[in-house]
PDB file of N, CA and C in Angstrom:
ATOM      1  N   MET A   1       0.841  -1.188   0.000  1.00  0.00           N
ATOM      2  CA  MET A   1       0.000   0.000   0.000  1.00  0.00           C
ATOM      3  C   MET A   1       0.885   1.250   0.000  1.00  0.00           C
ATOM      4  N   LEU A   2       0.521   2.205  -0.814  1.00  0.00           N
ATOM      5  CA  LEU A   2       1.296   3.443  -0.885  1.00  0.00           C
ATOM      6  C   LEU A   2       1.057   4.308   0.345  1.00  0.00           C
ATOM      7  N   GLU A   3       2.094   4.995   0.764  1.00  0.00           N
ATOM      8  CA  GLU A   3       1.936   5.995   1.809  1.00  0.00           C
ATOM      9  C   GLU A   3       1.045   7.103   1.260  1.00  0.00           C
ATOM     10  N   ALA A   4       0.421   7.878   2.129  1.00  0.00           N
ATOM     11  CA  ALA A   4      -0.477   8.950   1.692  1.00  0.00           C
ATOM     12  C   ALA A   4       0.228   9.940   0.781  1.00  0.00           C
ATOM     13  N   SER A   5       1.470  10.277   1.103  1.00  0.00           N
ATOM     14  CA  SER A   5       2.197  11.237   0.269  1.00  0.00           C
ATOM     15  C   SER A   5       2.494  10.657  -1.109  1.00  0.00           C
ATOM     16  N   ASP A   6       2.874   9.383  -1.177  1.00  0.00           N
ATOM     17  CA  ASP A   6       3.123   8.742  -2.465  1.00  0.00           C
ATOM     18  C   ASP A   6       1.842   8.687  -3.291  1.00  0.00           C
ATOM     19  N   ALA A   7       0.733   8.370  -2.644  1.00  0.00           N
ATOM     20  CA  ALA A   7      -0.546   8.293  -3.347  1.00  0.00           C
ATOM     21  C   ALA A   7      -0.935   9.652  -3.914  1.00  0.00           C
ATOM     22  N   ALA A   8      -0.665  10.714  -3.176  1.00  0.00           N
ATOM     23  CA  ALA A   8      -0.967  12.066  -3.667  1.00  0.00           C
ATOM     24  C   ALA A   8      -0.120  12.395  -4.886  1.00  0.00           C
ATOM     25  N   VAL A   9       1.147  12.003  -4.871  1.00  0.00           N
ATOM     26  CA  VAL A   9       2.036  12.249  -6.010  1.00  0.00           C
ATOM     27  C   VAL A   9       1.535  11.496  -7.234  1.00  0.00           C
ATOM     28  N   VAL A  10       1.159  10.232  -7.050  1.00  0.00           N
ATOM     29  CA  VAL A  10       0.645   9.416  -8.152  1.00  0.00           C
ATOM     30  C   VAL A  10      -0.652  10.019  -8.693  1.00  0.00           C
ATOM     31  N   ALA A  11      -1.512  10.518  -7.805  1.00  0.00           N
ATOM     32  CA  ALA A  11      -2.780  11.114  -8.226  1.00  0.00           C
ATOM     33  C   ALA A  11      -2.561  12.307  -9.156  1.00  0.00           C
ATOM     34  N   PHE A  12      -1.428  12.978  -9.006  1.00  0.00           N
ATOM     35  CA  PHE A  12      -1.105  14.118  -9.864  1.00  0.00           C
ATOM     36  C   PHE A  12      -0.276  13.724 -11.076  1.00  0.00           C
ATOM     37  N   GLY A  13      -0.104  12.408 -11.284  1.00  0.00           N
ATOM     38  CA  GLY A  13       0.541  11.925 -12.494  1.00  0.00           C
ATOM     39  C   GLY A  13       2.053  11.851 -12.461  1.00  0.00           C
ATOM     40  N   HIS A  14       2.636  11.843 -11.269  1.00  0.00           N
ATOM     41  CA  HIS A  14       4.087  11.762 -11.156  1.00  0.00           C
ATOM     42  C   HIS A  14       4.491  10.432 -10.527  1.00  0.00           C
ATOM     43  N   GLN A  15       5.755  10.096 -10.643  1.00  0.00           N
ATOM     44  CA  GLN A  15       6.302   8.877 -10.048  1.00  0.00           C
ATOM     45  C   GLN A  15       7.000   9.246  -8.749  1.00  0.00           C
ATOM     46  N   PRO A  16       6.532   8.745  -7.597  1.00  0.00           N
ATOM     47  CA  PRO A  16       7.132   9.116  -6.316  1.00  0.00           C
ATOM     48  C   PRO A  16       8.416   8.340  -6.026  1.00  0.00           C
ATOM     49  N   ASN A  17       9.471   8.630  -6.780  1.00  0.00           N
ATOM     50  CA  ASN A  17      10.738   7.930  -6.580  1.00  0.00           C
ATOM     51  C   ASN A  17      11.749   8.852  -5.906  1.00  0.00           C
ATOM     52  N   GLY A  18      12.925   8.349  -5.668  1.00  0.00           N
ATOM     53  CA  GLY A  18      13.944   9.127  -4.975  1.00  0.00           C
ATOM     54  C   GLY A  18      14.279  10.433  -5.669  1.00  0.00           C
ATOM     55  N   CYS A  19      14.358  10.395  -6.988  1.00  0.00           N
ATOM     56  CA  CYS A  19      14.678  11.613  -7.742  1.00  0.00           C
ATOM     57  C   CYS A  19      13.578  12.654  -7.607  1.00  0.00           C
ATOM     58  N   PHE A  20      12.317  12.210  -7.576  1.00  0.00           N
ATOM     59  CA  PHE A  20      11.197  13.135  -7.384  1.00  0.00           C
ATOM     60  C   PHE A  20      11.311  13.827  -6.031  1.00  0.00           C
ATOM     61  N   TRP A  21      11.512  13.030  -4.970  1.00  0.00           N
ATOM     62  CA  TRP A  21      11.558  13.608  -3.624  1.00  0.00           C
ATOM     63  C   TRP A  21      12.764  14.531  -3.463  1.00  0.00           C
ATOM     64  N   GLU A  22      13.883  14.183  -4.084  1.00  0.00           N
ATOM     65  CA  GLU A  22      15.055  15.058  -4.033  1.00  0.00           C
ATOM     66  C   GLU A  22      14.750  16.396  -4.701  1.00  0.00           C
ATOM     67  N   ALA A  23      14.114  16.357  -5.856  1.00  0.00           N
ATOM     68  CA  ALA A  23      13.755  17.600  -6.551  1.00  0.00           C
ATOM     69  C   ALA A  23      12.770  18.424  -5.729  1.00  0.00           C
ATOM     70  N   LEU A  24      11.827  17.748  -5.067  1.00  0.00           N
ATOM     71  CA  LEU A  24      10.874  18.465  -4.227  1.00  0.00           C
ATOM     72  C   LEU A  24      11.580  19.172  -3.074  1.00  0.00           C
ATOM     73  N   VAL A  25      12.504  18.490  -2.432  1.00  0.00           N
ATOM     74  CA  VAL A  25      13.246  19.102  -1.331  1.00  0.00           C
ATOM     75  C   VAL A  25      14.021  20.320  -1.826  1.00  0.00           C
ATOM     76  N   ARG A  26      14.682  20.174  -2.964  1.00  0.00           N
ATOM     77  CA  ARG A  26      15.457  21.297  -3.517  1.00  0.00           C
ATOM     78  C   ARG A  26      14.553  22.468  -3.899  1.00  0.00           C
ATOM     79  N   PHE A  27      13.321  22.187  -4.345  1.00  0.00           N
ATOM     80  CA  PHE A  27      12.385  23.237  -4.720  1.00  0.00           C
ATOM     81  C   PHE A  27      11.737  23.881  -3.497  1.00  0.00           C
ATOM     82  N   ALA A  28      11.219  23.049  -2.587  1.00  0.00           N
ATOM     83  CA  ALA A  28      10.434  23.545  -1.459  1.00  0.00           C
ATOM     84  C   ALA A  28      11.282  24.106  -0.323  1.00  0.00           C
ATOM     85  N   TRP A  29      12.474  23.541  -0.112  1.00  0.00           N
ATOM     86  CA  TRP A  29      13.322  23.972   0.995  1.00  0.00           C
ATOM     87  C   TRP A  29      14.743  24.221   0.512  1.00  0.00           C
ATOM     88  N   PRO A  30      14.951  25.180  -0.393  1.00  0.00           N
ATOM     89  CA  PRO A  30      16.291  25.382  -0.956  1.00  0.00           C
ATOM     90  C   PRO A  30      17.335  25.749   0.090  1.00  0.00           C
ATOM     91  N   ASP A  31      16.938  26.471   1.135  1.00  0.00           N
ATOM     92  CA  ASP A  31      17.903  26.840   2.173  1.00  0.00           C
ATOM     93  C   ASP A  31      18.390  25.628   2.944  1.00  0.00           C
ATOM     94  N   THR A  32      17.538  24.636   3.146  1.00  0.00           N
ATOM     95  CA  THR A  32      17.940  23.398   3.807  1.00  0.00           C
ATOM     96  C   THR A  32      18.688  22.495   2.835  1.00  0.00           C
ATOM     97  N   ALA A  33      18.224  22.419   1.592  1.00  0.00           N
ATOM     98  CA  ALA A  33      18.839  21.540   0.596  1.00  0.00           C
ATOM     99  C   ALA A  33      20.304  21.881   0.349  1.00  0.00           C
ATOM    100  N   GLU A  34      20.661  23.142   0.492  1.00  0.00           N
ATOM    101  CA  GLU A  34      22.056  23.507   0.243  1.00  0.00           C
ATOM    102  C   GLU A  34      22.996  23.006   1.337  1.00  0.00           C
ATOM    103  N   HIS A  35      22.437  22.556   2.461  1.00  0.00           N
ATOM    104  CA  HIS A  35      23.256  22.056   3.575  1.00  0.00           C
ATOM    105  C   HIS A  35      23.312  20.541   3.657  1.00  0.00           C
ATOM    106  N   VAL A  36      22.646  19.841   2.729  1.00  0.00           N
ATOM    107  CA  VAL A  36      22.656  18.382   2.765  1.00  0.00           C
ATOM    108  C   VAL A  36      23.196  17.830   1.450  1.00  0.00           C
ATOM    109  N   ASP A  37      23.742  16.632   1.528  1.00  0.00           N
ATOM    110  CA  ASP A  37      24.194  15.923   0.333  1.00  0.00           C
ATOM    111  C   ASP A  37      23.154  14.859   0.010  1.00  0.00           C
ATOM    112  N   CYS A  38      22.638  14.890  -1.203  1.00  0.00           N
ATOM    113  CA  CYS A  38      21.647  13.899  -1.624  1.00  0.00           C
ATOM    114  C   CYS A  38      22.312  12.821  -2.465  1.00  0.00           C
ATOM    115  N   ASP A  39      21.890  11.604  -2.241  1.00  0.00           N
ATOM    116  CA  ASP A  39      22.380  10.458  -3.011  1.00  0.00           C
ATOM    117  C   ASP A  39      21.201   9.536  -3.300  1.00  0.00           C
ATOM    118  N   SER A  40      20.168  10.105  -3.907  1.00  0.00           N
ATOM    119  CA  SER A  40      18.942   9.363  -4.170  1.00  0.00           C
ATOM    120  C   SER A  40      19.114   8.436  -5.360  1.00  0.00           C
ATOM    121  N   GLU A  41      18.317   7.380  -5.349  1.00  0.00           N
ATOM    122  CA  GLU A  41      18.238   6.450  -6.464  1.00  0.00           C
ATOM    123  C   GLU A  41      16.774   6.308  -6.826  1.00  0.00           C
ATOM    124  N   ALA A  42      16.487   5.526  -7.836  1.00  0.00           N
ATOM    125  CA  ALA A  42      15.116   5.417  -8.328  1.00  0.00           C
ATOM    126  C   ALA A  42      14.119   5.077  -7.224  1.00  0.00           C
ATOM    127  N   GLY A  43      14.415   4.115  -6.388  1.00  0.00           N
ATOM    128  CA  GLY A  43      13.465   3.690  -5.375  1.00  0.00           C
ATOM    129  C   GLY A  43      13.746   4.196  -3.983  1.00  0.00           C
ATOM    130  N   MET A  44      14.675   5.146  -3.850  1.00  0.00           N
ATOM    131  CA  MET A  44      15.081   5.564  -2.514  1.00  0.00           C
ATOM    132  C   MET A  44      15.475   7.037  -2.504  1.00  0.00           C
ATOM    133  N   PHE A  45      14.989   7.763  -1.501  1.00  0.00           N
ATOM    134  CA  PHE A  45      15.436   9.129  -1.276  1.00  0.00           C
ATOM    135  C   PHE A  45      16.448   9.090  -0.151  1.00  0.00           C
ATOM    136  N   CYS A  46      17.611   9.692  -0.364  1.00  0.00           N
ATOM    137  CA  CYS A  46      18.663   9.705   0.644  1.00  0.00           C
ATOM    138  C   CYS A  46      19.242  11.107   0.740  1.00  0.00           C
ATOM    139  N   ALA A  47      19.274  11.643   1.947  1.00  0.00           N
ATOM    140  CA  ALA A  47      19.900  12.938   2.205  1.00  0.00           C
ATOM    141  C   ALA A  47      20.736  12.806   3.465  1.00  0.00           C
ATOM    142  N   VAL A  48      21.958  13.305   3.407  1.00  0.00           N
ATOM    143  CA  VAL A  48      22.870  13.225   4.539  1.00  0.00           C
ATOM    144  C   VAL A  48      23.244  14.645   4.946  1.00  0.00           C
ATOM    145  N   GLY A  49      23.089  14.918   6.220  1.00  0.00           N
ATOM    146  CA  GLY A  49      23.427  16.243   6.726  1.00  0.00           C
ATOM    147  C   GLY A  49      23.402  16.245   8.243  1.00  0.00           C
ATOM    148  N   LYS A  50      23.462  17.420   8.811  1.00  0.00           N
ATOM    149  CA  LYS A  50      23.423  17.561  10.270  1.00  0.00           C
ATOM    150  C   LYS A  50      22.007  17.345  10.786  1.00  0.00           C
ATOM    151  N   SER A  51      21.901  16.863  12.009  1.00  0.00           N
ATOM    152  CA  SER A  51      20.575  16.640  12.588  1.00  0.00           C
ATOM    153  C   SER A  51      19.805  17.946  12.728  1.00  0.00           C
ATOM    154  N   SER A  52      20.490  19.069  12.921  1.00  0.00           N
ATOM    155  CA  SER A  52      19.798  20.354  13.022  1.00  0.00           C
ATOM    156  C   SER A  52      19.134  20.719  11.693  1.00  0.00           C
ATOM    157  N   ASP A  53      19.765  20.372  10.563  1.00  0.00           N
ATOM    158  CA  ASP A  53      19.155  20.614   9.258  1.00  0.00           C
ATOM    159  C   ASP A  53      17.935  19.734   9.058  1.00  0.00           C
ATOM    160  N   ALA A  54      18.021  18.488   9.505  1.00  0.00           N
ATOM    161  CA  ALA A  54      16.888  17.575   9.393  1.00  0.00           C
ATOM    162  C   ALA A  54      15.716  18.067  10.239  1.00  0.00           C
ATOM    163  N   ALA A  55      15.991  18.554  11.431  1.00  0.00           N
ATOM    164  CA  ALA A  55      14.933  19.065  12.298  1.00  0.00           C
ATOM    165  C   ALA A  55      14.268  20.282  11.666  1.00  0.00           C
ATOM    166  N   ARG A  56      15.055  21.152  11.060  1.00  0.00           N
ATOM    167  CA  ARG A  56      14.503  22.344  10.404  1.00  0.00           C
ATOM    168  C   ARG A  56      13.613  21.929   9.231  1.00  0.00           C
ATOM    169  N   ALA A  57      14.058  20.990   8.429  1.00  0.00           N
ATOM    170  CA  ALA A  57      13.261  20.526   7.292  1.00  0.00           C
ATOM    171  C   ALA A  57      11.988  19.842   7.770  1.00  0.00           C
ATOM    172  N   SER A  58      12.095  19.035   8.815  1.00  0.00           N
ATOM    173  CA  SER A  58      10.938  18.324   9.338  1.00  0.00           C
ATOM    174  C   SER A  58       9.883  19.291   9.860  1.00  0.00           C
ATOM    175  N   SER A  59      10.309  20.367  10.478  1.00  0.00           N
ATOM    176  CA  SER A  59       9.350  21.333  11.018  1.00  0.00           C
ATOM    177  C   SER A  59       8.600  22.065   9.916  1.00  0.00           C
ATOM    178  N   ARG A  60       9.138  22.064   8.699  1.00  0.00           N
ATOM    179  CA  ARG A  60       8.494  22.741   7.573  1.00  0.00           C
ATOM    180  C   ARG A  60       7.761  21.781   6.648  1.00  0.00           C
ATOM    181  N   ALA A  61       7.843  20.489   6.916  1.00  0.00           N
ATOM    182  CA  ALA A  61       7.231  19.488   6.038  1.00  0.00           C
ATOM    183  C   ALA A  61       5.711  19.565   6.122  1.00  0.00           C
ATOM    184  N   PRO A  62       5.032  19.303   4.991  1.00  0.00           N
ATOM    185  CA  PRO A  62       3.565  19.297   5.023  1.00  0.00           C
ATOM    186  C   PRO A  62       3.049  18.179   5.920  1.00  0.00           C
ATOM    187  N   ARG A  63       2.017  18.441   6.628  1.00  0.00           N
ATOM    188  CA  ARG A  63       1.423  17.454   7.525  1.00  0.00           C
ATOM    189  C   ARG A  63       0.420  16.594   6.761  1.00  0.00           C
ATOM    190  N   GLN A  64      -0.005  15.502   7.361  1.00  0.00           N
ATOM    191  CA  GLN A  64      -0.952  14.594   6.725  1.00  0.00           C
ATOM    192  C   GLN A  64      -2.216  15.323   6.288  1.00  0.00           C
ATOM    193  N   SER A  65      -2.680  16.298   7.078  1.00  0.00           N
ATOM    194  CA  SER A  65      -3.896  17.015   6.700  1.00  0.00           C
ATOM    195  C   SER A  65      -3.702  17.771   5.397  1.00  0.00           C
ATOM    196  N   ALA A  66      -2.506  18.298   5.166  1.00  0.00           N
ATOM    197  CA  ALA A  66      -2.209  19.000   3.914  1.00  0.00           C
ATOM    198  C   ALA A  66      -2.191  18.024   2.750  1.00  0.00           C
ATOM    199  N   VAL A  67      -1.647  16.841   2.976  1.00  0.00           N
ATOM    200  CA  VAL A  67      -1.615  15.811   1.923  1.00  0.00           C
ATOM    201  C   VAL A  67      -3.037  15.388   1.587  1.00  0.00           C
ATOM    202  N   ARG A  68      -3.865  15.201   2.595  1.00  0.00           N
ATOM    203  CA  ARG A  68      -5.263  14.828   2.345  1.00  0.00           C
ATOM    204  C   ARG A  68      -5.979  15.919   1.566  1.00  0.00           C
ATOM    205  N   ALA A  69      -5.700  17.179   1.854  1.00  0.00           N
ATOM    206  CA  ALA A  69      -6.334  18.289   1.133  1.00  0.00           C
ATOM    207  C   ALA A  69      -5.924  18.280  -0.332  1.00  0.00           C
ATOM    208  N   LEU A  70      -4.680  17.930  -0.622  1.00  0.00           N
ATOM    209  CA  LEU A  70      -4.228  17.851  -1.999  1.00  0.00           C
ATOM    210  C   LEU A  70      -4.967  16.763  -2.763  1.00  0.00           C
ATOM    211  N   ARG A  71      -5.269  15.684  -2.082  1.00  0.00           N
ATOM    212  CA  ARG A  71      -5.922  14.551  -2.738  1.00  0.00           C
ATOM    213  C   ARG A  71      -7.404  14.808  -2.975  1.00  0.00           C
ATOM    214  N   ALA A  72      -7.981  15.724  -2.228  1.00  0.00           N
ATOM    215  CA  ALA A  72      -9.447  15.992  -2.325  1.00  0.00           C
ATOM    216  C   ALA A  72      -9.807  16.715  -3.597  1.00  0.00           C
TER     217      ALA A  72
END
């Protein structure tokens, strides 16, 4: 079963793969993306950085309610 975020991406006609999520991070959080190294592959999103950068990105991530609104 797809996660809610993956299902929302598919509903909009995109493939929720590692490259997609990496591009989204670079688009939505460019200030955080410049502090992490990404090594994504087709089936995996990978970002390596400081825990403080991860906490900052996590605090700005869309919540499940936002994902549900996109799907509606």
